[in-house]
Amino acid sequence: MSQSTALAGSRSISSHPAIAPVVQAALAAGASLRVGCCTGADALVIQSALQAGGASQLRVFAQFAAGGQGWCSLSATLAVGAALHGGASVQFGAGGPLSLPLAARLVRRSQAVIAGAQALVLFAPGAGSLSVAALAAAAGAQVFAFGSLPAPVSAAGAWASSSLFGLPCWQWQPAQASLF
């Protein structure tokens, strides 16, 4: 799995049993990991990657500036700082200029996270994560989710029971185009 894998999920989780095993398995398979800058799943992915010695395979996309300008209560500034000091690649300002509203910077940051990723892995996804999943699926990325059965990504497809690195999860199955 030497591919680019984006990881994301709920901002409100403080732990998730699948994050560390997925991160470790992806790193062992040679994947480069792409993640955002928020609390919850993003921070847990960063922490797991650093603990697994995977800083060189980790790319963090922060919607705030290197000096901290533009951060908000959703920002995992300590985790992003640890990633930077641990040797990970950190792209500050990934959401665009600070003159943009926070919501717009978060959307643009999420688009940067999934750009070029062959897979998106979600942990306890909510509405925001599923919006990003729709973009990733439309771009042809495989989308996996850990947790309860998520809401549909779009009207054109469905979640199917699957596994990733031997762990049970959900995989988005886009609807097949009709020949007639």
N, C-alpha and C. Protein backbone atom coordinates (compact mmCIF):
# COMPACT_ATOMS: atom_id res chain seq x y z
N MET A 1 0.83 -1.20 0.00
CA MET A 1 0.00 0.00 0.00
C MET A 1 0.87 1.25 0.00
N SER A 2 1.85 1.32 -0.88
CA SER A 2 2.67 2.52 -0.94
C SER A 2 1.92 3.58 -1.71
N GLN A 3 0.92 4.14 -1.07
CA GLN A 3 0.06 5.14 -1.67
C GLN A 3 -0.12 6.29 -0.71
N SER A 4 -0.76 7.31 -1.18
CA SER A 4 -1.09 8.47 -0.35
C SER A 4 -2.46 8.23 0.28
N THR A 5 -2.51 8.26 1.59
CA THR A 5 -3.73 7.97 2.32
C THR A 5 -4.09 9.15 3.20
N ALA A 6 -5.27 9.69 3.01
CA ALA A 6 -5.78 10.76 3.86
C ALA A 6 -6.54 10.14 5.02
N LEU A 7 -6.38 10.72 6.20
CA LEU A 7 -7.07 10.25 7.40
C LEU A 7 -7.77 11.44 8.05
N ALA A 8 -9.00 11.23 8.51
CA ALA A 8 -9.79 12.31 9.09
C ALA A 8 -10.87 11.71 9.98
N GLY A 9 -11.72 12.58 10.49
CA GLY A 9 -12.84 12.10 11.29
C GLY A 9 -13.35 13.14 12.26
N SER A 10 -14.05 12.66 13.25
CA SER A 10 -14.72 13.52 14.21
C SER A 10 -13.73 14.38 14.99
N ARG A 11 -14.12 15.62 15.22
CA ARG A 11 -13.30 16.52 16.04
C ARG A 11 -13.57 16.30 17.52
N SER A 12 -14.61 15.56 17.84
CA SER A 12 -15.02 15.44 19.24
C SER A 12 -14.55 14.17 19.93
N ILE A 13 -13.83 13.30 19.22
CA ILE A 13 -13.37 12.07 19.88
C ILE A 13 -12.05 12.31 20.60
N SER A 14 -11.88 11.63 21.73
CA SER A 14 -10.62 11.72 22.48
C SER A 14 -9.82 10.43 22.35
N SER A 15 -10.44 9.41 21.76
CA SER A 15 -9.75 8.15 21.47
C SER A 15 -10.60 7.39 20.46
N HIS A 16 -9.96 6.45 19.80
CA HIS A 16 -10.68 5.56 18.87
C HIS A 16 -9.82 4.32 18.72
N PRO A 17 -10.39 3.13 18.94
CA PRO A 17 -9.58 1.91 18.94
C PRO A 17 -8.93 1.56 17.61
N ALA A 18 -9.41 2.10 16.51
CA ALA A 18 -8.84 1.74 15.21
C ALA A 18 -7.71 2.66 14.75
N ILE A 19 -7.57 3.85 15.35
CA ILE A 19 -6.62 4.82 14.82
C ILE A 19 -5.19 4.30 14.86
N ALA A 20 -4.69 3.92 16.01
CA ALA A 20 -3.29 3.48 16.10
C ALA A 20 -3.01 2.27 15.20
N PRO A 21 -3.86 1.22 15.22
CA PRO A 21 -3.57 0.08 14.34
C PRO A 21 -3.59 0.44 12.85
N VAL A 22 -4.52 1.29 12.43
CA VAL A 22 -4.59 1.69 11.02
C VAL A 22 -3.35 2.50 10.65
N VAL A 23 -2.99 3.46 11.48
CA VAL A 23 -1.82 4.29 11.21
C VAL A 23 -0.56 3.42 11.14
N GLN A 24 -0.39 2.53 12.10
CA GLN A 24 0.79 1.66 12.12
C GLN A 24 0.84 0.77 10.88
N ALA A 25 -0.27 0.19 10.50
CA ALA A 25 -0.31 -0.70 9.33
C ALA A 25 -0.06 0.08 8.05
N ALA A 26 -0.63 1.27 7.93
CA ALA A 26 -0.41 2.09 6.74
C ALA A 26 1.06 2.50 6.63
N LEU A 27 1.65 2.88 7.74
CA LEU A 27 3.07 3.25 7.73
C LEU A 27 3.93 2.05 7.36
N ALA A 28 3.62 0.89 7.92
CA ALA A 28 4.39 -0.33 7.62
C ALA A 28 4.27 -0.71 6.16
N ALA A 29 3.12 -0.38 5.54
CA ALA A 29 2.91 -0.69 4.12
C ALA A 29 3.55 0.35 3.21
N GLY A 30 4.16 1.37 3.81
CA GLY A 30 4.85 2.39 3.02
C GLY A 30 3.98 3.55 2.57
N ALA A 31 2.77 3.67 3.12
CA ALA A 31 1.89 4.76 2.72
C ALA A 31 2.38 6.10 3.25
N SER A 32 2.14 7.13 2.49
CA SER A 32 2.32 8.48 3.01
C SER A 32 0.97 8.91 3.56
N LEU A 33 0.98 9.52 4.74
CA LEU A 33 -0.24 9.88 5.43
C LEU A 33 -0.48 11.38 5.33
N ARG A 34 -1.71 11.75 5.05
CA ARG A 34 -2.13 13.14 4.93
C ARG A 34 -3.22 13.37 5.97
N VAL A 35 -3.09 14.44 6.76
CA VAL A 35 -4.05 14.69 7.83
C VAL A 35 -4.20 16.19 8.06
N GLY A 36 -5.33 16.58 8.61
CA GLY A 36 -5.60 17.98 8.92
C GLY A 36 -5.03 18.40 10.25
N CYS A 37 -5.57 19.48 10.78
CA CYS A 37 -4.99 20.15 11.95
C CYS A 37 -5.94 20.27 13.13
N CYS A 38 -7.03 19.54 13.11
CA CYS A 38 -8.05 19.74 14.14
C CYS A 38 -7.88 18.81 15.34
N THR A 39 -8.64 19.13 16.37
CA THR A 39 -8.69 18.27 17.54
C THR A 39 -9.39 16.97 17.14
N GLY A 40 -9.42 16.01 18.01
CA GLY A 40 -10.11 14.75 17.73
C GLY A 40 -9.29 13.83 16.86
N ALA A 41 -9.89 13.33 15.78
CA ALA A 41 -9.24 12.32 14.94
C ALA A 41 -7.92 12.81 14.36
N ASP A 42 -7.87 14.05 13.87
CA ASP A 42 -6.62 14.56 13.29
C ASP A 42 -5.49 14.49 14.30
N ALA A 43 -5.72 15.01 15.49
CA ALA A 43 -4.68 15.01 16.53
C ALA A 43 -4.28 13.59 16.90
N LEU A 44 -5.24 12.68 16.97
CA LEU A 44 -4.93 11.29 17.32
C LEU A 44 -4.11 10.60 16.23
N VAL A 45 -4.40 10.91 14.97
CA VAL A 45 -3.61 10.36 13.86
C VAL A 45 -2.17 10.88 13.95
N ILE A 46 -2.02 12.18 14.17
CA ILE A 46 -0.67 12.76 14.29
C ILE A 46 0.09 12.09 15.42
N GLN A 47 -0.54 11.98 16.57
CA GLN A 47 0.09 11.36 17.74
C GLN A 47 0.49 9.91 17.44
N SER A 48 -0.39 9.16 16.82
CA SER A 48 -0.10 7.75 16.51
C SER A 48 1.04 7.63 15.51
N ALA A 49 1.06 8.49 14.50
CA ALA A 49 2.13 8.44 13.51
C ALA A 49 3.48 8.77 14.14
N LEU A 50 3.51 9.77 15.00
CA LEU A 50 4.77 10.14 15.67
C LEU A 50 5.24 9.03 16.60
N GLN A 51 4.30 8.44 17.35
CA GLN A 51 4.66 7.35 18.26
C GLN A 51 5.16 6.13 17.52
N ALA A 52 4.68 5.94 16.28
CA ALA A 52 5.10 4.78 15.47
C ALA A 52 6.39 5.07 14.69
N GLY A 53 6.95 6.25 14.88
CA GLY A 53 8.19 6.60 14.17
C GLY A 53 7.95 6.96 12.71
N GLY A 54 6.74 7.40 12.38
CA GLY A 54 6.40 7.66 10.98
C GLY A 54 6.39 9.11 10.58
N ALA A 55 7.15 9.97 11.27
CA ALA A 55 7.13 11.40 10.94
C ALA A 55 7.51 11.66 9.49
N SER A 56 8.44 10.90 8.95
CA SER A 56 8.89 11.14 7.57
C SER A 56 7.80 10.80 6.54
N GLN A 57 6.78 10.05 6.95
CA GLN A 57 5.69 9.67 6.05
C GLN A 57 4.42 10.48 6.32
N LEU A 58 4.53 11.48 7.20
CA LEU A 58 3.37 12.24 7.66
C LEU A 58 3.39 13.65 7.08
N ARG A 59 2.26 14.05 6.48
CA ARG A 59 2.10 15.42 5.99
C ARG A 59 0.86 16.00 6.65
N VAL A 60 1.04 17.11 7.37
CA VAL A 60 -0.04 17.76 8.10
C VAL A 60 -0.41 19.05 7.37
N PHE A 61 -1.69 19.27 7.21
CA PHE A 61 -2.21 20.47 6.56
C PHE A 61 -2.92 21.32 7.61
N ALA A 62 -2.36 22.48 7.91
CA ALA A 62 -2.90 23.36 8.94
C ALA A 62 -3.58 24.57 8.30
N GLN A 63 -4.77 24.91 8.76
CA GLN A 63 -5.47 26.07 8.23
C GLN A 63 -4.95 27.36 8.87
N PHE A 64 -4.12 27.27 9.88
CA PHE A 64 -3.58 28.45 10.55
C PHE A 64 -2.12 28.67 10.13
N ALA A 65 -1.60 29.84 10.48
CA ALA A 65 -0.24 30.23 10.10
C ALA A 65 0.80 29.59 11.02
N ALA A 66 2.04 29.57 10.57
CA ALA A 66 3.13 28.96 11.34
C ALA A 66 3.29 29.63 12.70
N GLY A 67 2.99 30.91 12.80
CA GLY A 67 3.08 31.61 14.07
C GLY A 67 1.85 31.45 14.95
N GLY A 68 0.87 30.68 14.48
CA GLY A 68 -0.35 30.43 15.24
C GLY A 68 -1.50 31.33 14.88
N GLN A 69 -1.25 32.37 14.07
CA GLN A 69 -2.33 33.26 13.69
C GLN A 69 -3.40 32.45 12.94
N GLY A 70 -4.65 32.74 13.27
CA GLY A 70 -5.76 32.06 12.60
C GLY A 70 -6.21 30.79 13.29
N TRP A 71 -5.56 30.39 14.37
CA TRP A 71 -5.99 29.18 15.07
C TRP A 71 -7.36 29.44 15.70
N CYS A 72 -8.03 28.37 16.06
CA CYS A 72 -9.32 28.48 16.72
C CYS A 72 -9.45 27.34 17.72
N SER A 73 -10.57 27.25 18.38
CA SER A 73 -10.77 26.22 19.40
C SER A 73 -10.73 24.81 18.81
N LEU A 74 -10.90 24.68 17.49
CA LEU A 74 -10.85 23.37 16.83
C LEU A 74 -9.42 22.96 16.46
N SER A 75 -8.48 23.89 16.60
CA SER A 75 -7.10 23.65 16.15
C SER A 75 -6.32 22.83 17.17
N ALA A 76 -5.64 21.81 16.69
CA ALA A 76 -4.78 20.98 17.54
C ALA A 76 -3.35 21.53 17.41
N THR A 77 -3.14 22.73 17.93
CA THR A 77 -1.85 23.40 17.76
C THR A 77 -0.69 22.62 18.37
N LEU A 78 -0.92 21.98 19.51
CA LEU A 78 0.16 21.21 20.14
C LEU A 78 0.53 19.99 19.29
N ALA A 79 -0.46 19.31 18.76
CA ALA A 79 -0.17 18.14 17.91
C ALA A 79 0.55 18.56 16.62
N VAL A 80 0.09 19.66 16.01
CA VAL A 80 0.74 20.15 14.79
C VAL A 80 2.18 20.57 15.10
N GLY A 81 2.38 21.24 16.22
CA GLY A 81 3.74 21.62 16.63
C GLY A 81 4.62 20.41 16.88
N ALA A 82 4.06 19.39 17.51
CA ALA A 82 4.82 18.15 17.75
C ALA A 82 5.20 17.50 16.42
N ALA A 83 4.28 17.52 15.46
CA ALA A 83 4.57 16.96 14.14
C ALA A 83 5.72 17.71 13.48
N LEU A 84 5.66 19.03 13.53
CA LEU A 84 6.71 19.85 12.93
C LEU A 84 8.06 19.58 13.56
N HIS A 85 8.09 19.59 14.88
CA HIS A 85 9.35 19.35 15.60
C HIS A 85 9.80 17.90 15.51
N GLY A 86 8.86 16.99 15.22
CA GLY A 86 9.21 15.58 15.08
C GLY A 86 9.70 15.21 13.70
N GLY A 87 9.68 16.16 12.76
CA GLY A 87 10.20 15.90 11.42
C GLY A 87 9.15 15.68 10.35
N ALA A 88 7.89 15.83 10.68
CA ALA A 88 6.83 15.69 9.67
C ALA A 88 6.80 16.94 8.80
N SER A 89 6.22 16.79 7.63
CA SER A 89 6.00 17.93 6.75
C SER A 89 4.71 18.61 7.19
N VAL A 90 4.77 19.92 7.44
CA VAL A 90 3.59 20.67 7.84
C VAL A 90 3.40 21.81 6.85
N GLN A 91 2.22 21.86 6.26
CA GLN A 91 1.89 22.94 5.35
C GLN A 91 0.96 23.90 6.08
N PHE A 92 1.53 25.00 6.56
CA PHE A 92 0.73 26.02 7.22
C PHE A 92 0.00 26.84 6.16
N GLY A 93 -1.15 27.39 6.53
CA GLY A 93 -1.94 28.18 5.60
C GLY A 93 -2.58 27.37 4.49
N ALA A 94 -2.77 26.07 4.74
CA ALA A 94 -3.32 25.19 3.71
C ALA A 94 -4.77 25.51 3.39
N GLY A 95 -5.41 26.33 4.20
CA GLY A 95 -6.79 26.72 3.93
C GLY A 95 -6.91 28.04 3.21
N GLY A 96 -5.78 28.62 2.84
CA GLY A 96 -5.81 29.91 2.16
C GLY A 96 -5.47 31.03 3.12
N PRO A 97 -5.57 32.27 2.63
CA PRO A 97 -5.18 33.42 3.45
C PRO A 97 -6.09 33.58 4.67
N LEU A 98 -5.52 34.15 5.72
CA LEU A 98 -6.27 34.36 6.95
C LEU A 98 -7.42 35.34 6.77
N SER A 99 -7.43 36.07 5.68
CA SER A 99 -8.53 37.00 5.41
C SER A 99 -9.83 36.25 5.07
N LEU A 100 -9.71 34.97 4.70
CA LEU A 100 -10.91 34.17 4.44
C LEU A 100 -11.58 33.80 5.76
N PRO A 101 -12.89 33.63 5.77
CA PRO A 101 -13.57 33.17 6.99
C PRO A 101 -13.07 31.78 7.40
N LEU A 102 -13.11 31.51 8.69
CA LEU A 102 -12.63 30.23 9.22
C LEU A 102 -13.28 29.04 8.51
N ALA A 103 -14.59 29.07 8.33
CA ALA A 103 -15.28 27.94 7.68
C ALA A 103 -14.71 27.68 6.29
N ALA A 104 -14.44 28.72 5.54
CA ALA A 104 -13.87 28.56 4.20
C ALA A 104 -12.46 27.99 4.27
N ARG A 105 -11.67 28.43 5.25
CA ARG A 105 -10.30 27.90 5.39
C ARG A 105 -10.33 26.43 5.76
N LEU A 106 -11.28 26.02 6.60
CA LEU A 106 -11.38 24.61 6.97
C LEU A 106 -11.76 23.74 5.78
N VAL A 107 -12.68 24.21 4.95
CA VAL A 107 -13.07 23.47 3.75
C VAL A 107 -11.88 23.35 2.81
N ARG A 108 -11.20 24.46 2.56
CA ARG A 108 -10.05 24.44 1.64
C ARG A 108 -8.93 23.57 2.20
N ARG A 109 -8.74 23.58 3.51
CA ARG A 109 -7.73 22.72 4.13
C ARG A 109 -8.09 21.25 3.91
N SER A 110 -9.38 20.91 4.08
CA SER A 110 -9.82 19.53 3.87
C SER A 110 -9.62 19.11 2.42
N GLN A 111 -9.88 20.02 1.49
CA GLN A 111 -9.64 19.72 0.08
C GLN A 111 -8.16 19.46 -0.17
N ALA A 112 -7.29 20.21 0.50
CA ALA A 112 -5.84 20.00 0.35
C ALA A 112 -5.43 18.63 0.91
N VAL A 113 -6.05 18.23 2.01
CA VAL A 113 -5.73 16.93 2.63
C VAL A 113 -6.02 15.79 1.65
N ILE A 114 -7.16 15.83 0.99
CA ILE A 114 -7.55 14.71 0.13
C ILE A 114 -7.00 14.80 -1.29
N ALA A 115 -6.48 15.96 -1.67
CA ALA A 115 -5.97 16.13 -3.04
C ALA A 115 -4.86 15.11 -3.32
N GLY A 116 -5.07 14.29 -4.31
CA GLY A 116 -4.07 13.30 -4.70
C GLY A 116 -4.06 12.03 -3.87
N ALA A 117 -4.89 11.94 -2.86
CA ALA A 117 -4.93 10.73 -2.03
C ALA A 117 -5.67 9.62 -2.77
N GLN A 118 -5.13 8.41 -2.70
CA GLN A 118 -5.81 7.26 -3.30
C GLN A 118 -6.86 6.67 -2.38
N ALA A 119 -6.76 7.00 -1.09
CA ALA A 119 -7.72 6.48 -0.11
C ALA A 119 -7.98 7.53 0.95
N LEU A 120 -9.18 7.50 1.50
CA LEU A 120 -9.56 8.33 2.64
C LEU A 120 -10.09 7.39 3.71
N VAL A 121 -9.52 7.51 4.91
CA VAL A 121 -9.96 6.69 6.03
C VAL A 121 -10.54 7.62 7.09
N LEU A 122 -11.79 7.34 7.48
CA LEU A 122 -12.50 8.17 8.43
C LEU A 122 -12.71 7.43 9.74
N PHE A 123 -12.63 8.17 10.84
CA PHE A 123 -12.85 7.61 12.17
C PHE A 123 -14.02 8.35 12.81
N ALA A 124 -15.10 7.62 13.13
CA ALA A 124 -16.32 8.20 13.72
C ALA A 124 -16.76 9.43 12.94
N PRO A 125 -16.97 9.29 11.63
CA PRO A 125 -17.25 10.48 10.81
C PRO A 125 -18.60 11.10 11.09
N GLY A 126 -18.61 12.43 11.05
CA GLY A 126 -19.84 13.20 11.15
C GLY A 126 -20.14 13.83 9.80
N ALA A 127 -21.02 14.80 9.80
CA ALA A 127 -21.46 15.43 8.56
C ALA A 127 -20.31 16.07 7.80
N GLY A 128 -19.41 16.75 8.49
CA GLY A 128 -18.27 17.38 7.81
C GLY A 128 -17.36 16.37 7.15
N SER A 129 -17.06 15.31 7.86
CA SER A 129 -16.20 14.25 7.31
C SER A 129 -16.86 13.60 6.10
N LEU A 130 -18.18 13.42 6.16
CA LEU A 130 -18.87 12.78 5.05
C LEU A 130 -18.93 13.69 3.82
N SER A 131 -18.93 15.00 4.04
CA SER A 131 -18.84 15.93 2.90
C SER A 131 -17.49 15.78 2.21
N VAL A 132 -16.44 15.63 3.00
CA VAL A 132 -15.10 15.42 2.45
C VAL A 132 -15.05 14.06 1.75
N ALA A 133 -15.72 13.06 2.32
CA ALA A 133 -15.76 11.73 1.70
C ALA A 133 -16.42 11.79 0.33
N ALA A 134 -17.45 12.61 0.19
CA ALA A 134 -18.11 12.74 -1.11
C ALA A 134 -17.14 13.30 -2.14
N LEU A 135 -16.34 14.28 -1.74
CA LEU A 135 -15.34 14.84 -2.66
C LEU A 135 -14.28 13.80 -3.03
N ALA A 136 -13.82 13.06 -2.04
CA ALA A 136 -12.80 12.03 -2.29
C ALA A 136 -13.34 10.93 -3.19
N ALA A 137 -14.56 10.48 -2.93
CA ALA A 137 -15.16 9.43 -3.76
C ALA A 137 -15.34 9.92 -5.20
N ALA A 138 -15.77 11.17 -5.36
CA ALA A 138 -15.95 11.73 -6.70
C ALA A 138 -14.62 11.81 -7.45
N ALA A 139 -13.53 11.96 -6.70
CA ALA A 139 -12.20 12.02 -7.31
C ALA A 139 -11.62 10.62 -7.56
N GLY A 140 -12.36 9.58 -7.18
CA GLY A 140 -11.91 8.21 -7.43
C GLY A 140 -11.16 7.55 -6.29
N ALA A 141 -11.09 8.20 -5.14
CA ALA A 141 -10.40 7.60 -3.99
C ALA A 141 -11.30 6.55 -3.33
N GLN A 142 -10.68 5.51 -2.79
CA GLN A 142 -11.41 4.55 -1.97
C GLN A 142 -11.70 5.23 -0.63
N VAL A 143 -12.89 5.02 -0.08
CA VAL A 143 -13.28 5.65 1.18
C VAL A 143 -13.67 4.57 2.17
N PHE A 144 -13.03 4.60 3.34
CA PHE A 144 -13.29 3.65 4.41
C PHE A 144 -13.72 4.42 5.65
N ALA A 145 -14.55 3.81 6.49
CA ALA A 145 -14.99 4.45 7.73
C ALA A 145 -14.99 3.44 8.86
N PHE A 146 -14.48 3.87 10.00
CA PHE A 146 -14.49 3.06 11.21
C PHE A 146 -15.48 3.67 12.19
N GLY A 147 -16.30 2.84 12.79
CA GLY A 147 -17.32 3.28 13.72
C GLY A 147 -18.67 2.75 13.27
N SER A 148 -19.72 3.38 13.77
CA SER A 148 -21.08 2.99 13.39
C SER A 148 -21.30 3.25 11.92
N LEU A 149 -22.30 2.57 11.37
CA LEU A 149 -22.63 2.76 9.95
C LEU A 149 -22.89 4.24 9.69
N PRO A 150 -22.06 4.87 8.85
CA PRO A 150 -22.24 6.30 8.59
C PRO A 150 -23.45 6.57 7.69
N ALA A 151 -23.85 7.82 7.65
CA ALA A 151 -24.87 8.25 6.71
C ALA A 151 -24.30 8.12 5.31
N PRO A 152 -25.14 8.03 4.29
CA PRO A 152 -24.63 7.92 2.92
C PRO A 152 -23.77 9.11 2.52
N VAL A 153 -22.76 8.85 1.71
CA VAL A 153 -21.90 9.90 1.18
C VAL A 153 -22.64 10.68 0.10
N SER A 154 -23.40 9.98 -0.70
CA SER A 154 -24.22 10.61 -1.74
C SER A 154 -25.36 9.66 -2.06
N ALA A 155 -26.24 10.09 -2.94
CA ALA A 155 -27.36 9.22 -3.33
C ALA A 155 -26.89 8.11 -4.26
N ALA A 156 -25.71 8.25 -4.82
CA ALA A 156 -25.22 7.29 -5.81
C ALA A 156 -24.21 6.32 -5.19
N GLY A 157 -24.70 5.42 -4.34
CA GLY A 157 -23.83 4.43 -3.74
C GLY A 157 -24.32 4.02 -2.38
N ALA A 158 -23.53 3.18 -1.70
CA ALA A 158 -23.90 2.70 -0.38
C ALA A 158 -22.66 2.21 0.36
N TRP A 159 -22.75 2.17 1.68
CA TRP A 159 -21.68 1.60 2.49
C TRP A 159 -21.83 0.09 2.51
N ALA A 160 -20.71 -0.61 2.45
CA ALA A 160 -20.69 -2.06 2.53
C ALA A 160 -19.71 -2.47 3.63
N SER A 161 -20.04 -3.54 4.31
CA SER A 161 -19.14 -4.08 5.33
C SER A 161 -17.84 -4.50 4.65
N SER A 162 -16.71 -4.16 5.27
CA SER A 162 -15.41 -4.43 4.67
C SER A 162 -14.38 -4.59 5.77
N SER A 163 -13.13 -4.61 5.37
CA SER A 163 -12.03 -4.59 6.34
C SER A 163 -10.86 -3.84 5.72
N LEU A 164 -10.06 -3.25 6.57
CA LEU A 164 -8.86 -2.55 6.16
C LEU A 164 -7.77 -2.94 7.14
N PHE A 165 -6.69 -3.48 6.63
CA PHE A 165 -5.60 -3.99 7.47
C PHE A 165 -6.10 -4.99 8.50
N GLY A 166 -7.10 -5.78 8.10
CA GLY A 166 -7.64 -6.82 8.97
C GLY A 166 -8.61 -6.31 10.03
N LEU A 167 -8.94 -5.03 9.99
CA LEU A 167 -9.87 -4.45 10.96
C LEU A 167 -11.22 -4.23 10.29
N PRO A 168 -12.32 -4.60 10.95
CA PRO A 168 -13.64 -4.40 10.34
C PRO A 168 -13.96 -2.92 10.20
N CYS A 169 -14.52 -2.57 9.06
CA CYS A 169 -14.89 -1.19 8.79
C CYS A 169 -15.98 -1.16 7.73
N TRP A 170 -16.30 0.02 7.26
CA TRP A 170 -17.25 0.22 6.17
C TRP A 170 -16.48 0.77 4.98
N GLN A 171 -16.87 0.38 3.78
CA GLN A 171 -16.25 0.91 2.58
C GLN A 171 -17.35 1.45 1.67
N TRP A 172 -17.14 2.66 1.17
CA TRP A 172 -18.11 3.27 0.27
C TRP A 172 -18.04 2.59 -1.08
N GLN A 173 -19.18 2.16 -1.57
CA GLN A 173 -19.29 1.51 -2.87
C GLN A 173 -20.10 2.43 -3.78
N PRO A 174 -19.44 3.16 -4.68
CA PRO A 174 -20.21 4.02 -5.59
C PRO A 174 -21.13 3.19 -6.45
N ALA A 175 -22.26 3.77 -6.81
CA ALA A 175 -23.20 3.08 -7.71
C ALA A 175 -22.55 2.88 -9.06
N GLN A 176 -22.82 1.74 -9.65
CA GLN A 176 -22.31 1.45 -10.98
C GLN A 176 -23.18 2.14 -12.02
N ALA A 177 -22.54 2.71 -13.01
CA ALA A 177 -23.29 3.35 -14.08
C ALA A 177 -24.08 2.32 -14.86
N SER A 178 -25.29 2.65 -15.19
CA SER A 178 -26.13 1.75 -15.95
C SER A 178 -25.72 1.76 -17.42
N LEU A 179 -25.73 0.60 -18.05
CA LEU A 179 -25.39 0.51 -19.46
C LEU A 179 -26.57 0.85 -20.36
N PHE A 180 -27.76 0.82 -19.81
CA PHE A 180 -28.96 1.09 -20.62
C PHE A 180 -29.75 2.23 -20.06
